[in-house]
Amino acid sequence: MYKVYGDLVSGNCFKVKLLLSLLGIEHEWIHVDILKGETRTAEFVRKNPNHKLPLLELENDRYLAESNAILNYLATDSDYLPTDPYQRALVLQWQFFEQYSHEPFIAVARFINKFQGMPAEREAEYHSKQEGGHKALAIMEQQLANSPFLVGESATIADISLYGYTHVAHEGGFALDDYAAIRGWLGRIEALPGYVSMPA
């Protein structure tokens, strides 16, 4: 059985939990509180020298870090990861987009607002994230106006990757009122068999 170390209020951790649930994969979830320094203990650093979450523990003392790498591993031979080389590359394209053009804005703004309570010294940084976050949402909106999911007619791990922080974007100040296609897409993901929600 897989062991997963993570914190479900993190979008990066939640998307791993969501895929495990959608695929019906049994696993043990081990809660780790990064804000309390639990990823910096000697035991955890041995498992992941980068002391970040989530972390997937495999057999024979092997570990896999980075949320999108974990999604690719878990989705192998499932409907959530296409076998066609071009379609698979499109999935990776959206996952790189998520990490470099989406998360640095939407996830960071959410952290400053929700978890740090908008400290004065980070308020300017918070506001500086809004333009980039809305640019990322506009790109997603354009794609989802033309297809039900990011890579065609069915859900893939590209959707799982971007769902993680998009569905809580409002917690970082990104209202989705003007993104009708994204809102419809969120509903389609939440209707997938096995869907689980992020804890409040």
C-alpha atoms as a PDB file:
ATOM      1  CA  MET A   1       0.000   0.000   0.000  1.00  0.00           C
ATOM      2  CA  TYR A   2       1.231   3.476  -0.845  1.00  0.00           C
ATOM      3  CA  LYS A   3       2.039   5.949   1.902  1.00  0.00           C
ATOM      4  CA  VAL A   4       1.555   9.627   1.113  1.00  0.00           C
ATOM      5  CA  TYR A   5       2.939  12.425   3.264  1.00  0.00           C
ATOM      6  CA  GLY A   6       1.033  15.663   2.848  1.00  0.00           C
ATOM      7  CA  ASP A   7      -1.314  18.355   4.067  1.00  0.00           C
ATOM      8  CA  LEU A   8      -4.725  18.359   2.376  1.00  0.00           C
ATOM      9  CA  VAL A   9      -5.186  22.135   2.536  1.00  0.00           C
ATOM     10  CA  SER A  10      -2.261  22.400   0.118  1.00  0.00           C
ATOM     11  CA  GLY A  11      -3.386  22.289  -3.497  1.00  0.00           C
ATOM     12  CA  ASN A  12      -0.291  20.302  -4.456  1.00  0.00           C
ATOM     13  CA  CYS A  13      -1.054  17.663  -1.830  1.00  0.00           C
ATOM     14  CA  PHE A  14      -4.789  17.663  -2.461  1.00  0.00           C
ATOM     15  CA  LYS A  15      -4.418  16.894  -6.160  1.00  0.00           C
ATOM     16  CA  VAL A  16      -2.532  13.699  -5.268  1.00  0.00           C
ATOM     17  CA  LYS A  17      -5.302  12.733  -2.837  1.00  0.00           C
ATOM     18  CA  LEU A  18      -7.909  13.494  -5.497  1.00  0.00           C
ATOM     19  CA  LEU A  19      -6.268  11.270  -8.106  1.00  0.00           C
ATOM     20  CA  LEU A  20      -5.847   8.426  -5.610  1.00  0.00           C
ATOM     21  CA  SER A  21      -9.565   8.661  -4.875  1.00  0.00           C
ATOM     22  CA  LEU A  22     -10.595   8.894  -8.535  1.00  0.00           C
ATOM     23  CA  LEU A  23      -8.519   5.787  -9.306  1.00  0.00           C
ATOM     24  CA  GLY A  24      -9.702   3.921  -6.200  1.00  0.00           C
ATOM     25  CA  ILE A  25      -6.136   3.323  -5.021  1.00  0.00           C
ATOM     26  CA  GLU A  26      -5.803   2.268  -1.393  1.00  0.00           C
ATOM     27  CA  HIS A  27      -3.255   4.288   0.499  1.00  0.00           C
ATOM     28  CA  GLU A  28      -2.223   5.555   3.895  1.00  0.00           C
ATOM     29  CA  TRP A  29      -2.308   9.327   4.236  1.00  0.00           C
ATOM     30  CA  ILE A  30       0.185  10.705   6.756  1.00  0.00           C
ATOM     31  CA  HIS A  31      -0.530  14.294   7.734  1.00  0.00           C
ATOM     32  CA  VAL A  32       2.556  16.507   7.871  1.00  0.00           C
ATOM     33  CA  ASP A  33       2.322  20.119   9.017  1.00  0.00           C
ATOM     34  CA  ILE A  34       4.858  22.132   7.061  1.00  0.00           C
ATOM     35  CA  LEU A  35       4.073  25.291   9.050  1.00  0.00           C
ATOM     36  CA  LYS A  36       5.220  23.518  12.209  1.00  0.00           C
ATOM     37  CA  GLY A  37       8.501  22.497  10.615  1.00  0.00           C
ATOM     38  CA  GLU A  38       7.598  18.820  10.320  1.00  0.00           C
ATOM     39  CA  THR A  39       9.254  18.571   6.879  1.00  0.00           C
ATOM     40  CA  ARG A  40      12.581  19.659   8.385  1.00  0.00           C
ATOM     41  CA  THR A  41      13.056  16.789  10.803  1.00  0.00           C
ATOM     42  CA  ALA A  42      15.991  14.469  10.171  1.00  0.00           C
ATOM     43  CA  GLU A  43      13.606  11.606   9.409  1.00  0.00           C
ATOM     44  CA  PHE A  44      11.689  13.543   6.773  1.00  0.00           C
ATOM     45  CA  VAL A  45      14.770  15.091   5.161  1.00  0.00           C
ATOM     46  CA  ARG A  46      16.164  11.578   4.716  1.00  0.00           C
ATOM     47  CA  LYS A  47      13.082  10.796   2.630  1.00  0.00           C
ATOM     48  CA  ASN A  48      13.066  14.093   0.741  1.00  0.00           C
ATOM     49  CA  PRO A  49      16.163  16.319   0.996  1.00  0.00           C
ATOM     50  CA  ASN A  50      14.109  19.160  -0.495  1.00  0.00           C
ATOM     51  CA  HIS A  51      11.819  18.925   2.580  1.00  0.00           C
ATOM     52  CA  LYS A  52       8.648  19.629   0.593  1.00  0.00           C
ATOM     53  CA  LEU A  53       5.217  18.074   0.302  1.00  0.00           C
ATOM     54  CA  PRO A  54       3.667  15.919  -1.050  1.00  0.00           C
ATOM     55  CA  LEU A  55       5.847  12.835  -0.878  1.00  0.00           C
ATOM     56  CA  LEU A  56       4.930   9.347  -2.084  1.00  0.00           C
ATOM     57  CA  GLU A  57       6.556   6.376  -0.358  1.00  0.00           C
ATOM     58  CA  LEU A  58       7.007   3.254  -2.484  1.00  0.00           C
ATOM     59  CA  GLU A  59       8.346  -0.160  -1.626  1.00  0.00           C
ATOM     60  CA  ASN A  60      12.031  -0.845  -0.942  1.00  0.00           C
ATOM     61  CA  ASP A  61      12.628   2.523   0.723  1.00  0.00           C
ATOM     62  CA  ARG A  62      11.960   4.490  -2.470  1.00  0.00           C
ATOM     63  CA  TYR A  63      10.316   7.914  -2.524  1.00  0.00           C
ATOM     64  CA  LEU A  64       8.867  10.195  -5.159  1.00  0.00           C
ATOM     65  CA  ALA A  65       8.483  13.942  -4.662  1.00  0.00           C
ATOM     66  CA  GLU A  66       6.963  16.763  -6.758  1.00  0.00           C
ATOM     67  CA  SER A  67       3.199  16.585  -7.121  1.00  0.00           C
ATOM     68  CA  ASN A  68       3.047  16.357 -10.907  1.00  0.00           C
ATOM     69  CA  ALA A  69       5.677  13.610 -11.011  1.00  0.00           C
ATOM     70  CA  ILE A  70       3.571  11.694  -8.487  1.00  0.00           C
ATOM     71  CA  LEU A  71       0.451  12.185 -10.628  1.00  0.00           C
ATOM     72  CA  ASN A  72       2.243  10.844 -13.698  1.00  0.00           C
ATOM     73  CA  TYR A  73       3.441   7.816 -11.769  1.00  0.00           C
ATOM     74  CA  LEU A  74       0.033   7.009 -10.297  1.00  0.00           C
ATOM     75  CA  ALA A  75      -1.850   7.591 -13.554  1.00  0.00           C
ATOM     76  CA  THR A  76       0.276   5.206 -15.622  1.00  0.00           C
ATOM     77  CA  ASP A  77      -1.953   2.749 -17.532  1.00  0.00           C
ATOM     78  CA  SER A  78      -5.099   4.624 -16.501  1.00  0.00           C
ATOM     79  CA  ASP A  79      -7.539   6.747 -18.491  1.00  0.00           C
ATOM     80  CA  TYR A  80      -6.106   9.843 -16.804  1.00  0.00           C
ATOM     81  CA  LEU A  81      -2.840   9.646 -18.774  1.00  0.00           C
ATOM     82  CA  PRO A  82      -3.136   9.311 -22.578  1.00  0.00           C
ATOM     83  CA  THR A  83      -0.938   6.839 -24.413  1.00  0.00           C
ATOM     84  CA  ASP A  84      -0.837   8.875 -27.632  1.00  0.00           C
ATOM     85  CA  PRO A  85       2.511  10.753 -27.599  1.00  0.00           C
ATOM     86  CA  TYR A  86       1.024  14.100 -28.623  1.00  0.00           C
ATOM     87  CA  GLN A  87      -1.864  13.909 -26.158  1.00  0.00           C
ATOM     88  CA  ARG A  88       0.545  12.901 -23.421  1.00  0.00           C
ATOM     89  CA  ALA A  89       2.802  15.828 -24.281  1.00  0.00           C
ATOM     90  CA  LEU A  90      -0.214  18.151 -24.030  1.00  0.00           C
ATOM     91  CA  VAL A  91      -0.819  16.842 -20.515  1.00  0.00           C
ATOM     92  CA  LEU A  92       2.780  17.664 -19.623  1.00  0.00           C
ATOM     93  CA  GLN A  93       2.439  21.074 -21.261  1.00  0.00           C
ATOM     94  CA  TRP A  94      -0.457  21.935 -18.955  1.00  0.00           C
ATOM     95  CA  GLN A  95       1.396  20.567 -15.941  1.00  0.00           C
ATOM     96  CA  PHE A  96       4.421  22.761 -16.683  1.00  0.00           C
ATOM     97  CA  PHE A  97       2.010  25.663 -17.168  1.00  0.00           C
ATOM     98  CA  GLU A  98       0.515  24.912 -13.762  1.00  0.00           C
ATOM     99  CA  GLN A  99       3.880  25.006 -12.025  1.00  0.00           C
ATOM    100  CA  TYR A 100       5.358  28.029 -13.787  1.00  0.00           C
ATOM    101  CA  SER A 101       2.444  30.243 -14.884  1.00  0.00           C
ATOM    102  CA  HIS A 102      -0.386  29.415 -12.467  1.00  0.00           C
ATOM    103  CA  GLU A 103       0.823  28.271  -9.046  1.00  0.00           C
ATOM    104  CA  PRO A 104       3.420  31.057  -8.502  1.00  0.00           C
ATOM    105  CA  PHE A 105       0.577  33.576  -8.635  1.00  0.00           C
ATOM    106  CA  ILE A 106      -2.608  31.902  -7.447  1.00  0.00           C
ATOM    107  CA  ALA A 107      -1.118  29.603  -4.807  1.00  0.00           C
ATOM    108  CA  VAL A 108       1.195  32.268  -3.390  1.00  0.00           C
ATOM    109  CA  ALA A 109      -1.589  34.864  -3.169  1.00  0.00           C
ATOM    110  CA  ARG A 110      -3.772  32.266  -1.418  1.00  0.00           C
ATOM    111  CA  PHE A 111      -1.011  31.487   1.088  1.00  0.00           C
ATOM    112  CA  ILE A 112      -0.424  35.151   1.909  1.00  0.00           C
ATOM    113  CA  ASN A 113      -4.135  35.825   2.356  1.00  0.00           C
ATOM    114  CA  LYS A 114      -5.482  32.609   3.880  1.00  0.00           C
ATOM    115  CA  PHE A 115      -2.600  31.234   5.906  1.00  0.00           C
ATOM    116  CA  GLN A 116      -0.616  34.344   6.793  1.00  0.00           C
ATOM    117  CA  GLY A 117      -3.589  36.668   7.229  1.00  0.00           C
ATOM    118  CA  MET A 118      -2.246  39.315   4.837  1.00  0.00           C
ATOM    119  CA  PRO A 119       0.716  40.655   6.835  1.00  0.00           C
ATOM    120  CA  ALA A 120       1.586  44.228   5.986  1.00  0.00           C
ATOM    121  CA  GLU A 121       5.048  43.281   4.746  1.00  0.00           C
ATOM    122  CA  ARG A 122       3.553  40.970   2.085  1.00  0.00           C
ATOM    123  CA  GLU A 123       0.546  43.034   1.010  1.00  0.00           C
ATOM    124  CA  ALA A 124       2.325  44.554  -1.995  1.00  0.00           C
ATOM    125  CA  GLU A 125       3.492  41.094  -3.058  1.00  0.00           C
ATOM    126  CA  TYR A 126      -0.080  39.815  -2.776  1.00  0.00           C
ATOM    127  CA  HIS A 127      -1.369  42.549  -5.085  1.00  0.00           C
ATOM    128  CA  SER A 128       1.495  41.946  -7.516  1.00  0.00           C
ATOM    129  CA  LYS A 129       0.279  38.354  -8.003  1.00  0.00           C
ATOM    130  CA  GLN A 130      -3.157  39.333  -9.289  1.00  0.00           C
ATOM    131  CA  GLU A 131      -2.229  40.177 -12.882  1.00  0.00           C
ATOM    132  CA  GLY A 132      -0.289  36.952 -13.445  1.00  0.00           C
ATOM    133  CA  GLY A 133      -3.008  34.872 -11.840  1.00  0.00           C
ATOM    134  CA  HIS A 134      -5.718  36.349 -14.029  1.00  0.00           C
ATOM    135  CA  LYS A 135      -3.531  35.818 -17.099  1.00  0.00           C
ATOM    136  CA  ALA A 136      -3.281  32.119 -16.250  1.00  0.00           C
ATOM    137  CA  LEU A 137      -7.030  31.878 -15.663  1.00  0.00           C
ATOM    138  CA  ALA A 138      -7.709  33.606 -19.001  1.00  0.00           C
ATOM    139  CA  ILE A 139      -5.563  31.037 -20.815  1.00  0.00           C
ATOM    140  CA  MET A 140      -7.468  28.204 -19.146  1.00  0.00           C
ATOM    141  CA  GLU A 141     -10.780  29.902 -19.937  1.00  0.00           C
ATOM    142  CA  GLN A 142      -9.872  30.112 -23.620  1.00  0.00           C
ATOM    143  CA  GLN A 143      -9.071  26.399 -23.786  1.00  0.00           C
ATOM    144  CA  LEU A 144     -12.100  25.297 -21.763  1.00  0.00           C
ATOM    145  CA  ALA A 145     -14.431  27.317 -23.970  1.00  0.00           C
ATOM    146  CA  ASN A 146     -13.445  24.909 -26.758  1.00  0.00           C
ATOM    147  CA  SER A 147     -13.226  21.568 -24.965  1.00  0.00           C
ATOM    148  CA  PRO A 148     -14.802  20.125 -21.804  1.00  0.00           C
ATOM    149  CA  PHE A 149     -11.406  19.310 -20.322  1.00  0.00           C
ATOM    150  CA  LEU A 150      -7.943  20.733 -20.859  1.00  0.00           C
ATOM    151  CA  VAL A 151      -6.842  17.931 -23.176  1.00  0.00           C
ATOM    152  CA  GLY A 152      -9.996  17.056 -25.054  1.00  0.00           C
ATOM    153  CA  GLU A 153     -13.157  15.219 -24.167  1.00  0.00           C
ATOM    154  CA  SER A 154     -12.166  13.429 -20.971  1.00  0.00           C
ATOM    155  CA  ALA A 155     -10.384  14.298 -17.755  1.00  0.00           C
ATOM    156  CA  THR A 156      -6.637  13.763 -17.455  1.00  0.00           C
ATOM    157  CA  ILE A 157      -4.049  14.542 -14.831  1.00  0.00           C
ATOM    158  CA  ALA A 158      -3.682  17.921 -16.548  1.00  0.00           C
ATOM    159  CA  ASP A 159      -7.105  18.748 -15.132  1.00  0.00           C
ATOM    160  CA  ILE A 160      -6.250  17.298 -11.728  1.00  0.00           C
ATOM    161  CA  SER A 161      -3.055  19.378 -11.609  1.00  0.00           C
ATOM    162  CA  LEU A 162      -4.828  22.628 -12.348  1.00  0.00           C
ATOM    163  CA  TYR A 163      -7.924  21.888 -10.312  1.00  0.00           C
ATOM    164  CA  GLY A 164      -5.856  21.810  -7.111  1.00  0.00           C
ATOM    165  CA  TYR A 165      -5.396  25.561  -6.798  1.00  0.00           C
ATOM    166  CA  THR A 166      -7.972  26.834  -9.309  1.00  0.00           C
ATOM    167  CA  HIS A 167     -10.943  25.641  -7.271  1.00  0.00           C
ATOM    168  CA  VAL A 168      -9.721  27.662  -4.275  1.00  0.00           C
ATOM    169  CA  ALA A 169      -8.481  30.631  -6.314  1.00  0.00           C
ATOM    170  CA  HIS A 170     -10.998  32.893  -4.590  1.00  0.00           C
ATOM    171  CA  GLU A 171      -9.032  32.419  -1.367  1.00  0.00           C
ATOM    172  CA  GLY A 172      -6.213  34.315  -3.066  1.00  0.00           C
ATOM    173  CA  GLY A 173      -8.494  37.076  -4.330  1.00  0.00           C
ATOM    174  CA  PHE A 174      -9.219  35.595  -7.757  1.00  0.00           C
ATOM    175  CA  ALA A 175     -12.986  35.676  -8.200  1.00  0.00           C
ATOM    176  CA  LEU A 176     -14.155  33.292 -10.923  1.00  0.00           C
ATOM    177  CA  ASP A 177     -17.333  35.204 -11.787  1.00  0.00           C
ATOM    178  CA  ASP A 178     -16.011  36.174 -15.218  1.00  0.00           C
ATOM    179  CA  TYR A 179     -14.726  32.684 -16.044  1.00  0.00           C
ATOM    180  CA  ALA A 180     -17.827  30.756 -17.061  1.00  0.00           C
ATOM    181  CA  ALA A 181     -15.907  28.003 -18.849  1.00  0.00           C
ATOM    182  CA  ILE A 182     -13.691  27.413 -15.811  1.00  0.00           C
ATOM    183  CA  ARG A 183     -16.723  27.230 -13.529  1.00  0.00           C
ATOM    184  CA  GLY A 184     -18.307  24.644 -15.802  1.00  0.00           C
ATOM    185  CA  TRP A 185     -15.069  22.661 -15.824  1.00  0.00           C
ATOM    186  CA  LEU A 186     -14.907  22.709 -12.033  1.00  0.00           C
ATOM    187  CA  GLY A 187     -18.399  21.221 -11.963  1.00  0.00           C
ATOM    188  CA  ARG A 188     -17.422  18.461 -14.403  1.00  0.00           C
ATOM    189  CA  ILE A 189     -14.443  17.480 -12.263  1.00  0.00           C
ATOM    190  CA  GLU A 190     -16.566  17.486  -9.115  1.00  0.00           C
ATOM    191  CA  ALA A 191     -19.012  15.134 -10.859  1.00  0.00           C
ATOM    192  CA  LEU A 192     -16.337  12.518 -11.592  1.00  0.00           C
ATOM    193  CA  PRO A 193     -16.898   9.181  -9.805  1.00  0.00           C
ATOM    194  CA  GLY A 194     -14.674   9.031  -6.733  1.00  0.00           C
ATOM    195  CA  TYR A 195     -14.315  12.789  -6.350  1.00  0.00           C
ATOM    196  CA  VAL A 196     -13.352  14.005  -2.875  1.00  0.00           C
ATOM    197  CA  SER A 197     -13.308  17.604  -1.694  1.00  0.00           C
ATOM    198  CA  MET A 198     -10.563  19.528   0.040  1.00  0.00           C
ATOM    199  CA  PRO A 199     -11.154  19.837   3.794  1.00  0.00           C
ATOM    200  CA  ALA A 200     -12.395  23.204   4.967  1.00  0.00           C
END
